[in-house]
Amino acid sequence: MPTVALLIASNVFMTFAWYGHLKFTSQPLWKVVLVSWGIAFFEYCLMVPANRMGFGQFSAGQLKTIQEVVTLLVFAAFSVLYLGEALRWNHLGAFCCLVGAVWFMFRG
């Protein structure tokens, strides 16, 4: 579980680094790039240990699959809570497809 917790935390930072600036469109691009890089530093500080700790318990493919599921869950919450966007039926469909990918990746 420490691996998954670190992946969740790193994805929160990543999501803010990549998409948080969308609320600040009046800021110059160079400023938001620098701020995004600063935020992404903390994402890397969590992502690298998560992958290091999880490798062996999970394969590299399994780690990447977990990371993708976490990314979509974090982004769904971010888009609703921070950006004020609504989730629609196609988001649920995409998530169901990802659950299928997880099933195939973790199947013996």
PDB file of N, CA and C in Angstrom:
ATOM      1  N   MET A   1       0.798  -1.213   0.000  1.00  0.00           N
ATOM      2  CA  MET A   1       0.000   0.000   0.000  1.00  0.00           C
ATOM      3  C   MET A   1       0.837   1.273   0.000  1.00  0.00           C
ATOM      4  N   PRO A   2       2.052   1.280   0.553  1.00  0.00           N
ATOM      5  CA  PRO A   2       2.849   2.519   0.466  1.00  0.00           C
ATOM      6  C   PRO A   2       3.089   2.937  -0.984  1.00  0.00           C
ATOM      7  N   THR A   3       3.254   1.966  -1.868  1.00  0.00           N
ATOM      8  CA  THR A   3       3.471   2.279  -3.281  1.00  0.00           C
ATOM      9  C   THR A   3       2.262   3.009  -3.851  1.00  0.00           C
ATOM     10  N   VAL A   4       1.076   2.499  -3.584  1.00  0.00           N
ATOM     11  CA  VAL A   4      -0.141   3.113  -4.116  1.00  0.00           C
ATOM     12  C   VAL A   4      -0.352   4.495  -3.488  1.00  0.00           C
ATOM     13  N   ALA A   5      -0.101   4.627  -2.202  1.00  0.00           N
ATOM     14  CA  ALA A   5      -0.249   5.929  -1.536  1.00  0.00           C
ATOM     15  C   ALA A   5       0.703   6.962  -2.141  1.00  0.00           C
ATOM     16  N   LEU A   6       1.939   6.560  -2.397  1.00  0.00           N
ATOM     17  CA  LEU A   6       2.896   7.477  -3.026  1.00  0.00           C
ATOM     18  C   LEU A   6       2.477   7.818  -4.456  1.00  0.00           C
ATOM     19  N   LEU A   7       1.940   6.842  -5.178  1.00  0.00           N
ATOM     20  CA  LEU A   7       1.462   7.108  -6.536  1.00  0.00           C
ATOM     21  C   LEU A   7       0.292   8.095  -6.527  1.00  0.00           C
ATOM     22  N   ILE A   8      -0.599   7.954  -5.564  1.00  0.00           N
ATOM     23  CA  ILE A   8      -1.720   8.895  -5.456  1.00  0.00           C
ATOM     24  C   ILE A   8      -1.200  10.298  -5.168  1.00  0.00           C
ATOM     25  N   ALA A   9      -0.312  10.422  -4.176  1.00  0.00           N
ATOM     26  CA  ALA A   9       0.231  11.739  -3.826  1.00  0.00           C
ATOM     27  C   ALA A   9       0.985  12.357  -5.000  1.00  0.00           C
ATOM     28  N   SER A  10       1.791  11.556  -5.694  1.00  0.00           N
ATOM     29  CA  SER A  10       2.547  12.095  -6.818  1.00  0.00           C
ATOM     30  C   SER A  10       1.618  12.550  -7.938  1.00  0.00           C
ATOM     31  N   ASN A  11       0.528  11.835  -8.141  1.00  0.00           N
ATOM     32  CA  ASN A  11      -0.413  12.215  -9.185  1.00  0.00           C
ATOM     33  C   ASN A  11      -1.182  13.486  -8.854  1.00  0.00           C
ATOM     34  N   VAL A  12      -1.397  13.757  -7.578  1.00  0.00           N
ATOM     35  CA  VAL A  12      -2.012  15.029  -7.203  1.00  0.00           C
ATOM     36  C   VAL A  12      -1.081  16.171  -7.626  1.00  0.00           C
ATOM     37  N   PHE A  13       0.209  16.040  -7.310  1.00  0.00           N
ATOM     38  CA  PHE A  13       1.177  17.062  -7.732  1.00  0.00           C
ATOM     39  C   PHE A  13       1.238  17.157  -9.258  1.00  0.00           C
ATOM     40  N   MET A  14       1.292  16.012  -9.927  1.00  0.00           N
ATOM     41  CA  MET A  14       1.385  16.002 -11.379  1.00  0.00           C
ATOM     42  C   MET A  14       0.184  16.697 -12.016  1.00  0.00           C
ATOM     43  N   THR A  15      -0.990  16.405 -11.515  1.00  0.00           N
ATOM     44  CA  THR A  15      -2.204  16.985 -12.079  1.00  0.00           C
ATOM     45  C   THR A  15      -2.202  18.500 -11.912  1.00  0.00           C
ATOM     46  N   PHE A  16      -1.795  18.985 -10.745  1.00  0.00           N
ATOM     47  CA  PHE A  16      -1.710  20.434 -10.559  1.00  0.00           C
ATOM     48  C   PHE A  16      -0.616  21.037 -11.437  1.00  0.00           C
ATOM     49  N   ALA A  17       0.497  20.331 -11.607  1.00  0.00           N
ATOM     50  CA  ALA A  17       1.576  20.843 -12.461  1.00  0.00           C
ATOM     51  C   ALA A  17       1.112  20.955 -13.907  1.00  0.00           C
ATOM     52  N   TRP A  18       0.382  19.972 -14.385  1.00  0.00           N
ATOM     53  CA  TRP A  18      -0.014  19.940 -15.795  1.00  0.00           C
ATOM     54  C   TRP A  18      -1.266  20.749 -16.092  1.00  0.00           C
ATOM     55  N   TYR A  19      -2.202  20.799 -15.153  1.00  0.00           N
ATOM     56  CA  TYR A  19      -3.504  21.392 -15.455  1.00  0.00           C
ATOM     57  C   TYR A  19      -3.916  22.529 -14.523  1.00  0.00           C
ATOM     58  N   GLY A  20      -3.238  22.720 -13.420  1.00  0.00           N
ATOM     59  CA  GLY A  20      -3.609  23.772 -12.467  1.00  0.00           C
ATOM     60  C   GLY A  20      -3.555  25.167 -13.056  1.00  0.00           C
ATOM     61  N   HIS A  21      -2.656  25.375 -13.992  1.00  0.00           N
ATOM     62  CA  HIS A  21      -2.491  26.697 -14.594  1.00  0.00           C
ATOM     63  C   HIS A  21      -3.652  27.096 -15.495  1.00  0.00           C
ATOM     64  N   LEU A  22      -4.554  26.172 -15.806  1.00  0.00           N
ATOM     65  CA  LEU A  22      -5.670  26.496 -16.698  1.00  0.00           C
ATOM     66  C   LEU A  22      -6.604  27.542 -16.099  1.00  0.00           C
ATOM     67  N   LYS A  23      -6.542  27.731 -14.786  1.00  0.00           N
ATOM     68  CA  LYS A  23      -7.331  28.781 -14.143  1.00  0.00           C
ATOM     69  C   LYS A  23      -6.602  30.129 -14.176  1.00  0.00           C
ATOM     70  N   PHE A  24      -5.385  30.147 -14.670  1.00  0.00           N
ATOM     71  CA  PHE A  24      -4.578  31.368 -14.675  1.00  0.00           C
ATOM     72  C   PHE A  24      -4.138  31.707 -16.097  1.00  0.00           C
ATOM     73  N   THR A  25      -5.085  31.773 -17.003  1.00  0.00           N
ATOM     74  CA  THR A  25      -4.752  31.994 -18.408  1.00  0.00           C
ATOM     75  C   THR A  25      -4.209  33.395 -18.676  1.00  0.00           C
ATOM     76  N   SER A  26      -4.380  34.317 -17.739  1.00  0.00           N
ATOM     77  CA  SER A  26      -3.846  35.661 -17.942  1.00  0.00           C
ATOM     78  C   SER A  26      -2.349  35.736 -17.629  1.00  0.00           C
ATOM     79  N   GLN A  27      -1.809  34.722 -16.981  1.00  0.00           N
ATOM     80  CA  GLN A  27      -0.380  34.711 -16.649  1.00  0.00           C
ATOM     81  C   GLN A  27       0.439  34.347 -17.885  1.00  0.00           C
ATOM     82  N   PRO A  28       1.620  34.929 -18.014  1.00  0.00           N
ATOM     83  CA  PRO A  28       2.482  34.570 -19.149  1.00  0.00           C
ATOM     84  C   PRO A  28       2.862  33.090 -19.102  1.00  0.00           C
ATOM     85  N   LEU A  29       2.989  32.509 -20.268  1.00  0.00           N
ATOM     86  CA  LEU A  29       3.289  31.089 -20.370  1.00  0.00           C
ATOM     87  C   LEU A  29       4.587  30.728 -19.655  1.00  0.00           C
ATOM     88  N   TRP A  30       5.612  31.565 -19.757  1.00  0.00           N
ATOM     89  CA  TRP A  30       6.894  31.241 -19.128  1.00  0.00           C
ATOM     90  C   TRP A  30       6.748  31.115 -17.620  1.00  0.00           C
ATOM     91  N   LYS A  31       5.861  31.927 -17.020  1.00  0.00           N
ATOM     92  CA  LYS A  31       5.656  31.843 -15.565  1.00  0.00           C
ATOM     93  C   LYS A  31       4.982  30.527 -15.181  1.00  0.00           C
ATOM     94  N   VAL A  32       3.942  30.162 -15.919  1.00  0.00           N
ATOM     95  CA  VAL A  32       3.250  28.929 -15.557  1.00  0.00           C
ATOM     96  C   VAL A  32       4.121  27.706 -15.828  1.00  0.00           C
ATOM     97  N   VAL A  33       4.993  27.789 -16.821  1.00  0.00           N
ATOM     98  CA  VAL A  33       5.926  26.681 -17.068  1.00  0.00           C
ATOM     99  C   VAL A  33       6.879  26.537 -15.884  1.00  0.00           C
ATOM    100  N   LEU A  34       7.424  27.637 -15.395  1.00  0.00           N
ATOM    101  CA  LEU A  34       8.341  27.567 -14.248  1.00  0.00           C
ATOM    102  C   LEU A  34       7.639  27.054 -12.993  1.00  0.00           C
ATOM    103  N   VAL A  35       6.446  27.550 -12.748  1.00  0.00           N
ATOM    104  CA  VAL A  35       5.684  27.070 -11.585  1.00  0.00           C
ATOM    105  C   VAL A  35       5.369  25.582 -11.744  1.00  0.00           C
ATOM    106  N   SER A  36       4.978  25.175 -12.949  1.00  0.00           N
ATOM    107  CA  SER A  36       4.674  23.765 -13.198  1.00  0.00           C
ATOM    108  C   SER A  36       5.899  22.890 -12.974  1.00  0.00           C
ATOM    109  N   TRP A  37       7.050  23.342 -13.408  1.00  0.00           N
ATOM    110  CA  TRP A  37       8.284  22.585 -13.162  1.00  0.00           C
ATOM    111  C   TRP A  37       8.554  22.448 -11.670  1.00  0.00           C
ATOM    112  N   GLY A  38       8.314  23.524 -10.938  1.00  0.00           N
ATOM    113  CA  GLY A  38       8.515  23.467  -9.485  1.00  0.00           C
ATOM    114  C   GLY A  38       7.597  22.466  -8.824  1.00  0.00           C
ATOM    115  N   ILE A  39       6.347  22.442  -9.258  1.00  0.00           N
ATOM    116  CA  ILE A  39       5.395  21.472  -8.702  1.00  0.00           C
ATOM    117  C   ILE A  39       5.780  20.058  -9.131  1.00  0.00           C
ATOM    118  N   ALA A  40       6.194  19.900 -10.375  1.00  0.00           N
ATOM    119  CA  ALA A  40       6.554  18.577 -10.894  1.00  0.00           C
ATOM    120  C   ALA A  40       7.748  17.989 -10.153  1.00  0.00           C
ATOM    121  N   PHE A  41       8.616  18.828  -9.619  1.00  0.00           N
ATOM    122  CA  PHE A  41       9.741  18.327  -8.825  1.00  0.00           C
ATOM    123  C   PHE A  41       9.231  17.448  -7.683  1.00  0.00           C
ATOM    124  N   PHE A  42       8.183  17.916  -6.993  1.00  0.00           N
ATOM    125  CA  PHE A  42       7.639  17.145  -5.877  1.00  0.00           C
ATOM    126  C   PHE A  42       6.945  15.874  -6.364  1.00  0.00           C
ATOM    127  N   GLU A  43       6.363  15.946  -7.554  1.00  0.00           N
ATOM    128  CA  GLU A  43       5.777  14.739  -8.141  1.00  0.00           C
ATOM    129  C   GLU A  43       6.854  13.680  -8.337  1.00  0.00           C
ATOM    130  N   TYR A  44       7.993  14.082  -8.892  1.00  0.00           N
ATOM    131  CA  TYR A  44       9.089  13.141  -9.104  1.00  0.00           C
ATOM    132  C   TYR A  44       9.636  12.609  -7.785  1.00  0.00           C
ATOM    133  N   CYS A  45       9.673  13.460  -6.760  1.00  0.00           N
ATOM    134  CA  CYS A  45      10.167  13.035  -5.444  1.00  0.00           C
ATOM    135  C   CYS A  45       9.290  11.948  -4.829  1.00  0.00           C
ATOM    136  N   LEU A  46       8.066  11.830  -5.286  1.00  0.00           N
ATOM    137  CA  LEU A  46       7.165  10.783  -4.806  1.00  0.00           C
ATOM    138  C   LEU A  46       7.058   9.620  -5.781  1.00  0.00           C
ATOM    139  N   MET A  47       7.058   9.921  -7.077  1.00  0.00           N
ATOM    140  CA  MET A  47       6.876   8.881  -8.090  1.00  0.00           C
ATOM    141  C   MET A  47       8.063   7.926  -8.142  1.00  0.00           C
ATOM    142  N   VAL A  48       9.264   8.465  -8.109  1.00  0.00           N
ATOM    143  CA  VAL A  48      10.452   7.609  -8.211  1.00  0.00           C
ATOM    144  C   VAL A  48      10.530   6.628  -7.035  1.00  0.00           C
ATOM    145  N   PRO A  49      10.357   7.091  -5.784  1.00  0.00           N
ATOM    146  CA  PRO A  49      10.350   6.110  -4.681  1.00  0.00           C
ATOM    147  C   PRO A  49       9.198   5.112  -4.772  1.00  0.00           C
ATOM    148  N   ALA A  50       8.036   5.559  -5.254  1.00  0.00           N
ATOM    149  CA  ALA A  50       6.903   4.633  -5.396  1.00  0.00           C
ATOM    150  C   ALA A  50       7.259   3.503  -6.340  1.00  0.00           C
ATOM    151  N   ASN A  51       7.856   3.848  -7.478  1.00  0.00           N
ATOM    152  CA  ASN A  51       8.237   2.812  -8.438  1.00  0.00           C
ATOM    153  C   ASN A  51       9.370   1.944  -7.913  1.00  0.00           C
ATOM    154  N   ARG A  52      10.315   2.546  -7.219  1.00  0.00           N
ATOM    155  CA  ARG A  52      11.435   1.785  -6.660  1.00  0.00           C
ATOM    156  C   ARG A  52      10.932   0.788  -5.618  1.00  0.00           C
ATOM    157  N   MET A  53      10.040   1.244  -4.737  1.00  0.00           N
ATOM    158  CA  MET A  53       9.518   0.371  -3.677  1.00  0.00           C
ATOM    159  C   MET A  53       8.592  -0.700  -4.249  1.00  0.00           C
ATOM    160  N   GLY A  54       7.828  -0.328  -5.269  1.00  0.00           N
ATOM    161  CA  GLY A  54       6.838  -1.260  -5.803  1.00  0.00           C
ATOM    162  C   GLY A  54       7.401  -2.303  -6.742  1.00  0.00           C
ATOM    163  N   PHE A  55       8.570  -2.005  -7.341  1.00  0.00           N
ATOM    164  CA  PHE A  55       9.152  -2.944  -8.294  1.00  0.00           C
ATOM    165  C   PHE A  55       9.654  -4.173  -7.548  1.00  0.00           C
ATOM    166  N   GLY A  56       9.233  -5.307  -7.984  1.00  0.00           N
ATOM    167  CA  GLY A  56       9.516  -6.561  -7.277  1.00  0.00           C
ATOM    168  C   GLY A  56       8.224  -7.117  -6.709  1.00  0.00           C
ATOM    169  N   GLN A  57       7.476  -6.233  -6.043  1.00  0.00           N
ATOM    170  CA  GLN A  57       6.135  -6.615  -5.609  1.00  0.00           C
ATOM    171  C   GLN A  57       5.210  -6.624  -6.827  1.00  0.00           C
ATOM    172  N   PHE A  58       5.425  -5.659  -7.722  1.00  0.00           N
ATOM    173  CA  PHE A  58       4.682  -5.555  -8.973  1.00  0.00           C
ATOM    174  C   PHE A  58       5.676  -5.558 -10.121  1.00  0.00           C
ATOM    175  N   SER A  59       5.246  -5.993 -11.291  1.00  0.00           N
ATOM    176  CA  SER A  59       6.089  -5.865 -12.484  1.00  0.00           C
ATOM    177  C   SER A  59       6.041  -4.408 -12.947  1.00  0.00           C
ATOM    178  N   ALA A  60       6.929  -4.043 -13.851  1.00  0.00           N
ATOM    179  CA  ALA A  60       6.927  -2.680 -14.382  1.00  0.00           C
ATOM    180  C   ALA A  60       5.592  -2.382 -15.079  1.00  0.00           C
ATOM    181  N   GLY A  61       5.077  -3.347 -15.818  1.00  0.00           N
ATOM    182  CA  GLY A  61       3.790  -3.156 -16.482  1.00  0.00           C
ATOM    183  C   GLY A  61       2.648  -2.975 -15.494  1.00  0.00           C
ATOM    184  N   GLN A  62       2.680  -3.726 -14.410  1.00  0.00           N
ATOM    185  CA  GLN A  62       1.652  -3.576 -13.389  1.00  0.00           C
ATOM    186  C   GLN A  62       1.760  -2.211 -12.705  1.00  0.00           C
ATOM    187  N   LEU A  63       2.986  -1.776 -12.416  1.00  0.00           N
ATOM    188  CA  LEU A  63       3.165  -0.447 -11.817  1.00  0.00           C
ATOM    189  C   LEU A  63       2.603   0.634 -12.723  1.00  0.00           C
ATOM    190  N   LYS A  64       2.880   0.537 -14.018  1.00  0.00           N
ATOM    191  CA  LYS A  64       2.386   1.535 -14.964  1.00  0.00           C
ATOM    192  C   LYS A  64       0.862   1.492 -15.045  1.00  0.00           C
ATOM    193  N   THR A  65       0.280   0.320 -15.002  1.00  0.00           N
ATOM    194  CA  THR A  65      -1.172   0.200 -15.046  1.00  0.00           C
ATOM    195  C   THR A  65      -1.801   0.816 -13.803  1.00  0.00           C
ATOM    196  N   ILE A  66      -1.235   0.535 -12.638  1.00  0.00           N
ATOM    197  CA  ILE A  66      -1.725   1.150 -11.398  1.00  0.00           C
ATOM    198  C   ILE A  66      -1.643   2.666 -11.506  1.00  0.00           C
ATOM    199  N   GLN A  67      -0.506   3.150 -12.015  1.00  0.00           N
ATOM    200  CA  GLN A  67      -0.300   4.595 -12.142  1.00  0.00           C
ATOM    201  C   GLN A  67      -1.341   5.222 -13.063  1.00  0.00           C
ATOM    202  N   GLU A  68      -1.697   4.557 -14.136  1.00  0.00           N
ATOM    203  CA  GLU A  68      -2.681   5.091 -15.071  1.00  0.00           C
ATOM    204  C   GLU A  68      -4.072   5.152 -14.440  1.00  0.00           C
ATOM    205  N   VAL A  69      -4.435   4.125 -13.686  1.00  0.00           N
ATOM    206  CA  VAL A  69      -5.732   4.132 -12.996  1.00  0.00           C
ATOM    207  C   VAL A  69      -5.768   5.262 -11.979  1.00  0.00           C
ATOM    208  N   VAL A  70      -4.699   5.380 -11.195  1.00  0.00           N
ATOM    209  CA  VAL A  70      -4.617   6.455 -10.202  1.00  0.00           C
ATOM    210  C   VAL A  70      -4.705   7.815 -10.900  1.00  0.00           C
ATOM    211  N   THR A  71      -3.996   7.963 -12.006  1.00  0.00           N
ATOM    212  CA  THR A  71      -4.008   9.233 -12.734  1.00  0.00           C
ATOM    213  C   THR A  71      -5.422   9.614 -13.152  1.00  0.00           C
ATOM    214  N   LEU A  72      -6.168   8.669 -13.690  1.00  0.00           N
ATOM    215  CA  LEU A  72      -7.529   8.982 -14.130  1.00  0.00           C
ATOM    216  C   LEU A  72      -8.460   9.291 -12.959  1.00  0.00           C
ATOM    217  N   LEU A  73      -8.302   8.582 -11.852  1.00  0.00           N
ATOM    218  CA  LEU A  73      -9.136   8.866 -10.689  1.00  0.00           C
ATOM    219  C   LEU A  73      -8.825  10.243 -10.112  1.00  0.00           C
ATOM    220  N   VAL A  74      -7.534  10.548  -9.980  1.00  0.00           N
ATOM    221  CA  VAL A  74      -7.131  11.858  -9.459  1.00  0.00           C
ATOM    222  C   VAL A  74      -7.601  12.958 -10.409  1.00  0.00           C
ATOM    223  N   PHE A  75      -7.416  12.735 -11.714  1.00  0.00           N
ATOM    224  CA  PHE A  75      -7.830  13.760 -12.670  1.00  0.00           C
ATOM    225  C   PHE A  75      -9.336  13.950 -12.671  1.00  0.00           C
ATOM    226  N   ALA A  76     -10.103  12.886 -12.518  1.00  0.00           N
ATOM    227  CA  ALA A  76     -11.563  13.017 -12.466  1.00  0.00           C
ATOM    228  C   ALA A  76     -11.964  13.895 -11.285  1.00  0.00           C
ATOM    229  N   ALA A  77     -11.390  13.635 -10.132  1.00  0.00           N
ATOM    230  CA  ALA A  77     -11.687  14.464  -8.954  1.00  0.00           C
ATOM    231  C   ALA A  77     -11.237  15.904  -9.179  1.00  0.00           C
ATOM    232  N   PHE A  78     -10.062  16.096  -9.734  1.00  0.00           N
ATOM    233  CA  PHE A  78      -9.516  17.428 -10.012  1.00  0.00           C
ATOM    234  C   PHE A  78     -10.412  18.201 -10.977  1.00  0.00           C
ATOM    235  N   SER A  79     -10.838  17.540 -12.045  1.00  0.00           N
ATOM    236  CA  SER A  79     -11.636  18.244 -13.052  1.00  0.00           C
ATOM    237  C   SER A  79     -12.988  18.675 -12.489  1.00  0.00           C
ATOM    238  N   VAL A  80     -13.542  17.883 -11.580  1.00  0.00           N
ATOM    239  CA  VAL A  80     -14.820  18.249 -10.966  1.00  0.00           C
ATOM    240  C   VAL A  80     -14.619  19.304  -9.890  1.00  0.00           C
ATOM    241  N   LEU A  81     -13.687  19.044  -8.967  1.00  0.00           N
ATOM    242  CA  LEU A  81     -13.540  19.907  -7.799  1.00  0.00           C
ATOM    243  C   LEU A  81     -12.785  21.200  -8.080  1.00  0.00           C
ATOM    244  N   TYR A  82     -11.795  21.175  -8.948  1.00  0.00           N
ATOM    245  CA  TYR A  82     -10.955  22.352  -9.193  1.00  0.00           C
ATOM    246  C   TYR A  82     -11.382  23.110 -10.450  1.00  0.00           C
ATOM    247  N   LEU A  83     -11.628  22.379 -11.522  1.00  0.00           N
ATOM    248  CA  LEU A  83     -11.976  23.034 -12.783  1.00  0.00           C
ATOM    249  C   LEU A  83     -13.484  23.224 -12.958  1.00  0.00           C
ATOM    250  N   GLY A  84     -14.282  22.549 -12.128  1.00  0.00           N
ATOM    251  CA  GLY A  84     -15.736  22.701 -12.198  1.00  0.00           C
ATOM    252  C   GLY A  84     -16.374  22.024 -13.397  1.00  0.00           C
ATOM    253  N   GLU A  85     -15.713  21.026 -13.937  1.00  0.00           N
ATOM    254  CA  GLU A  85     -16.270  20.298 -15.076  1.00  0.00           C
ATOM    255  C   GLU A  85     -17.123  19.129 -14.582  1.00  0.00           C
ATOM    256  N   ALA A  86     -18.076  18.732 -15.393  1.00  0.00           N
ATOM    257  CA  ALA A  86     -18.958  17.621 -15.032  1.00  0.00           C
ATOM    258  C   ALA A  86     -18.435  16.320 -15.632  1.00  0.00           C
ATOM    259  N   LEU A  87     -18.633  15.241 -14.892  1.00  0.00           N
ATOM    260  CA  LEU A  87     -18.335  13.916 -15.434  1.00  0.00           C
ATOM    261  C   LEU A  87     -19.561  13.432 -16.186  1.00  0.00           C
ATOM    262  N   ARG A  88     -19.327  12.752 -17.300  1.00  0.00           N
ATOM    263  CA  ARG A  88     -20.428  12.255 -18.131  1.00  0.00           C
ATOM    264  C   ARG A  88     -20.304  10.745 -18.288  1.00  0.00           C
ATOM    265  N   TRP A  89     -21.262  10.178 -18.985  1.00  0.00           N
ATOM    266  CA  TRP A  89     -21.314   8.725 -19.158  1.00  0.00           C
ATOM    267  C   TRP A  89     -20.061   8.201 -19.844  1.00  0.00           C
ATOM    268  N   ASN A  90     -19.490   8.948 -20.780  1.00  0.00           N
ATOM    269  CA  ASN A  90     -18.325   8.452 -21.503  1.00  0.00           C
ATOM    270  C   ASN A  90     -17.090   8.363 -20.596  1.00  0.00           C
ATOM    271  N   HIS A  91     -17.046   9.175 -19.542  1.00  0.00           N
ATOM    272  CA  HIS A  91     -15.958   9.049 -18.574  1.00  0.00           C
ATOM    273  C   HIS A  91     -16.053   7.699 -17.854  1.00  0.00           C
ATOM    274  N   LEU A  92     -17.268   7.325 -17.483  1.00  0.00           N
ATOM    275  CA  LEU A  92     -17.482   6.029 -16.839  1.00  0.00           C
ATOM    276  C   LEU A  92     -17.121   4.896 -17.795  1.00  0.00           C
ATOM    277  N   GLY A  93     -17.487   5.029 -19.062  1.00  0.00           N
ATOM    278  CA  GLY A  93     -17.134   4.010 -20.056  1.00  0.00           C
ATOM    279  C   GLY A  93     -15.626   3.853 -20.190  1.00  0.00           C
ATOM    280  N   ALA A  94     -14.924   4.971 -20.231  1.00  0.00           N
ATOM    281  CA  ALA A  94     -13.460   4.925 -20.329  1.00  0.00           C
ATOM    282  C   ALA A  94     -12.855   4.264 -19.095  1.00  0.00           C
ATOM    283  N   PHE A  95     -13.395   4.581 -17.934  1.00  0.00           N
ATOM    284  CA  PHE A  95     -12.883   3.969 -16.709  1.00  0.00           C
ATOM    285  C   PHE A  95     -13.138   2.465 -16.712  1.00  0.00           C
ATOM    286  N   CYS A  96     -14.286   2.041 -17.201  1.00  0.00           N
ATOM    287  CA  CYS A  96     -14.576   0.602 -17.287  1.00  0.00           C
ATOM    288  C   CYS A  96     -13.586  -0.096 -18.205  1.00  0.00           C
ATOM    289  N   CYS A  97     -13.218   0.556 -19.292  1.00  0.00           N
ATOM    290  CA  CYS A  97     -12.196  -0.020 -20.181  1.00  0.00           C
ATOM    291  C   CYS A  97     -10.866  -0.150 -19.462  1.00  0.00           C
ATOM    292  N   LEU A  98     -10.541   0.821 -18.634  1.00  0.00           N
ATOM    293  CA  LEU A  98      -9.301   0.759 -17.875  1.00  0.00           C
ATOM    294  C   LEU A  98      -9.334  -0.366 -16.838  1.00  0.00           C
ATOM    295  N   VAL A  99     -10.486  -0.583 -16.247  1.00  0.00           N
ATOM    296  CA  VAL A  99     -10.629  -1.703 -15.316  1.00  0.00           C
ATOM    297  C   VAL A  99     -10.363  -3.012 -16.058  1.00  0.00           C
ATOM    298  N   GLY A 100     -10.824  -3.102 -17.285  1.00  0.00           N
ATOM    299  CA  GLY A 100     -10.519  -4.276 -18.103  1.00  0.00           C
ATOM    300  C   GLY A 100      -9.032  -4.422 -18.336  1.00  0.00           C
ATOM    301  N   ALA A 101      -8.343  -3.316 -18.585  1.00  0.00           N
ATOM    302  CA  ALA A 101      -6.890  -3.352 -18.769  1.00  0.00           C
ATOM    303  C   ALA A 101      -6.196  -3.845 -17.500  1.00  0.00           C
ATOM    304  N   VAL A 102      -6.677  -3.399 -16.359  1.00  0.00           N
ATOM    305  CA  VAL A 102      -6.110  -3.853 -15.079  1.00  0.00           C
ATOM    306  C   VAL A 102      -6.312  -5.352 -14.930  1.00  0.00           C
ATOM    307  N   TRP A 103      -7.490  -5.825 -15.262  1.00  0.00           N
ATOM    308  CA  TRP A 103      -7.778  -7.255 -15.135  1.00  0.00           C
ATOM    309  C   TRP A 103      -6.799  -8.057 -16.002  1.00  0.00           C
ATOM    310  N   PHE A 104      -6.602  -7.621 -17.247  1.00  0.00           N
ATOM    311  CA  PHE A 104      -5.662  -8.346 -18.119  1.00  0.00           C
ATOM    312  C   PHE A 104      -4.230  -8.266 -17.593  1.00  0.00           C
ATOM    313  N   MET A 105      -3.819  -7.117 -17.089  1.00  0.00           N
ATOM    314  CA  MET A 105      -2.438  -6.951 -16.628  1.00  0.00           C
ATOM    315  C   MET A 105      -2.146  -7.806 -15.392  1.00  0.00           C
ATOM    316  N   PHE A 106      -3.129  -7.928 -14.502  1.00  0.00           N
ATOM    317  CA  PHE A 106      -2.892  -8.655 -13.252  1.00  0.00           C
ATOM    318  C   PHE A 106      -3.341 -10.111 -13.309  1.00  0.00           C
ATOM    319  N   ARG A 107      -3.881 -10.520 -14.421  1.00  0.00           N
ATOM    320  CA  ARG A 107      -4.317 -11.913 -14.568  1.00  0.00           C
ATOM    321  C   ARG A 107      -3.085 -12.815 -14.620  1.00  0.00           C
ATOM    322  N   GLY A 108      -3.128 -13.882 -13.827  1.00  0.00           N
ATOM    323  CA  GLY A 108      -2.015 -14.830 -13.711  1.00  0.00           C
ATOM    324  C   GLY A 108      -1.417 -15.204 -14.990  1.00  0.00           C
TER     325      GLY A 108
END
